[in-house]
Amino acid sequence: MQILIADDDPVMLQIVATLVEAVDKEADVVLARNATECLRTLWDRSIQFLLIDRYLPDRSGLDVIQEMDKMHLCIPTALMNG
């Protein structure tokens, strides 16, 4: 399963990636550091689950979710805050 984690905080990005890999040893974790990178990755790859920070430097996580809807990308998503 390809799981995309989008967060601008490198420490949080690594913590969440480590937790996901500990829970699912076969997960293919992909990282994005901003909304633009996240949307590009969602379009280019077969992502099955998205964990996204609510506050990214270039757009909010909610903006990304709205853009996914416009792109007809139906991907289960969890919004992180913190």
Protein backbone atom coordinates (compact mmCIF):
# COMPACT_ATOMS: atom_id res chain seq x y z
CA MET A 1 0.00 0.00 0.00
CA GLN A 2 1.35 3.42 -0.93
CA ILE A 3 0.79 5.97 1.82
CA LEU A 4 1.55 9.63 1.27
CA ILE A 5 2.43 11.76 4.30
CA ALA A 6 2.41 15.52 3.76
CA ASP A 7 3.85 17.79 6.44
CA ASP A 8 6.26 20.73 6.36
CA ASP A 9 7.82 19.85 9.73
CA PRO A 10 10.66 17.39 9.01
CA VAL A 11 10.58 15.98 12.56
CA MET A 12 6.83 15.31 12.43
CA LEU A 13 7.20 13.87 8.93
CA GLN A 14 9.79 11.36 10.18
CA ILE A 15 7.81 10.45 13.32
CA VAL A 16 4.63 9.76 11.36
CA ALA A 17 6.54 7.82 8.69
CA THR A 18 8.19 5.67 11.37
CA LEU A 19 4.84 4.96 13.03
CA VAL A 20 3.20 4.00 9.73
CA GLU A 21 6.08 1.68 8.85
CA ALA A 22 5.92 0.09 12.32
CA VAL A 23 2.20 -0.62 11.92
CA ASP A 24 2.41 -1.82 8.31
CA LYS A 25 5.77 -3.36 7.43
CA GLU A 26 4.78 -3.57 3.76
CA ALA A 27 3.69 0.07 3.44
CA ASP A 28 5.43 2.12 0.78
CA VAL A 29 5.67 5.50 2.51
CA VAL A 30 5.99 8.54 0.27
CA LEU A 31 6.77 11.98 1.74
CA ALA A 32 5.74 15.48 0.64
CA ARG A 33 6.85 18.71 2.29
CA ASN A 34 4.19 21.06 0.91
CA ALA A 35 0.80 21.08 -0.81
CA THR A 36 2.21 21.46 -4.31
CA GLU A 37 4.45 18.43 -3.88
CA CYS A 38 1.55 16.52 -2.33
CA LEU A 39 -0.82 17.21 -5.22
CA ARG A 40 1.85 16.34 -7.80
CA THR A 41 2.52 13.04 -6.02
CA LEU A 42 -1.19 12.24 -5.77
CA TRP A 43 -1.57 12.80 -9.51
CA ASP A 44 1.59 10.90 -10.53
CA ARG A 45 1.47 7.87 -8.23
CA SER A 46 -1.04 5.26 -7.11
CA ILE A 47 -1.45 6.53 -3.55
CA GLN A 48 -3.95 4.53 -1.49
CA PHE A 49 -4.00 6.66 1.66
CA LEU A 50 -3.09 10.27 2.51
CA LEU A 51 -2.06 11.68 5.88
CA ILE A 52 -1.87 15.45 5.53
CA ASP A 53 -1.09 18.29 7.90
CA ARG A 54 -3.82 20.89 8.17
CA TYR A 55 -1.33 23.76 7.85
CA LEU A 56 1.20 23.65 5.01
CA PRO A 57 3.27 26.65 3.89
CA ASP A 58 1.80 27.03 0.40
CA ARG A 59 -1.81 25.86 0.92
CA SER A 60 -3.83 24.29 3.69
CA GLY A 61 -4.54 20.59 3.92
CA LEU A 62 -8.22 21.43 3.46
CA ASP A 63 -7.35 23.19 0.18
CA VAL A 64 -5.55 20.04 -0.95
CA ILE A 65 -8.60 17.91 -0.14
CA GLN A 66 -10.82 20.29 -2.14
CA GLU A 67 -8.37 20.15 -5.05
CA MET A 68 -8.39 16.33 -4.89
CA ASP A 69 -12.16 16.46 -5.31
CA LYS A 70 -11.79 18.68 -8.41
CA MET A 71 -9.20 16.22 -9.78
CA HIS A 72 -11.63 13.32 -9.12
CA LEU A 73 -9.12 11.66 -6.81
CA CYS A 74 -11.04 9.50 -4.35
CA ILE A 75 -8.34 8.65 -1.81
CA PRO A 76 -9.00 7.99 1.90
CA THR A 77 -7.50 10.90 3.80
CA ALA A 78 -6.72 11.79 7.41
CA LEU A 79 -6.11 15.42 8.32
CA MET A 80 -3.46 15.96 11.01
CA ASN A 81 -3.29 18.98 13.27
CA GLY A 82 -0.37 19.65 15.51
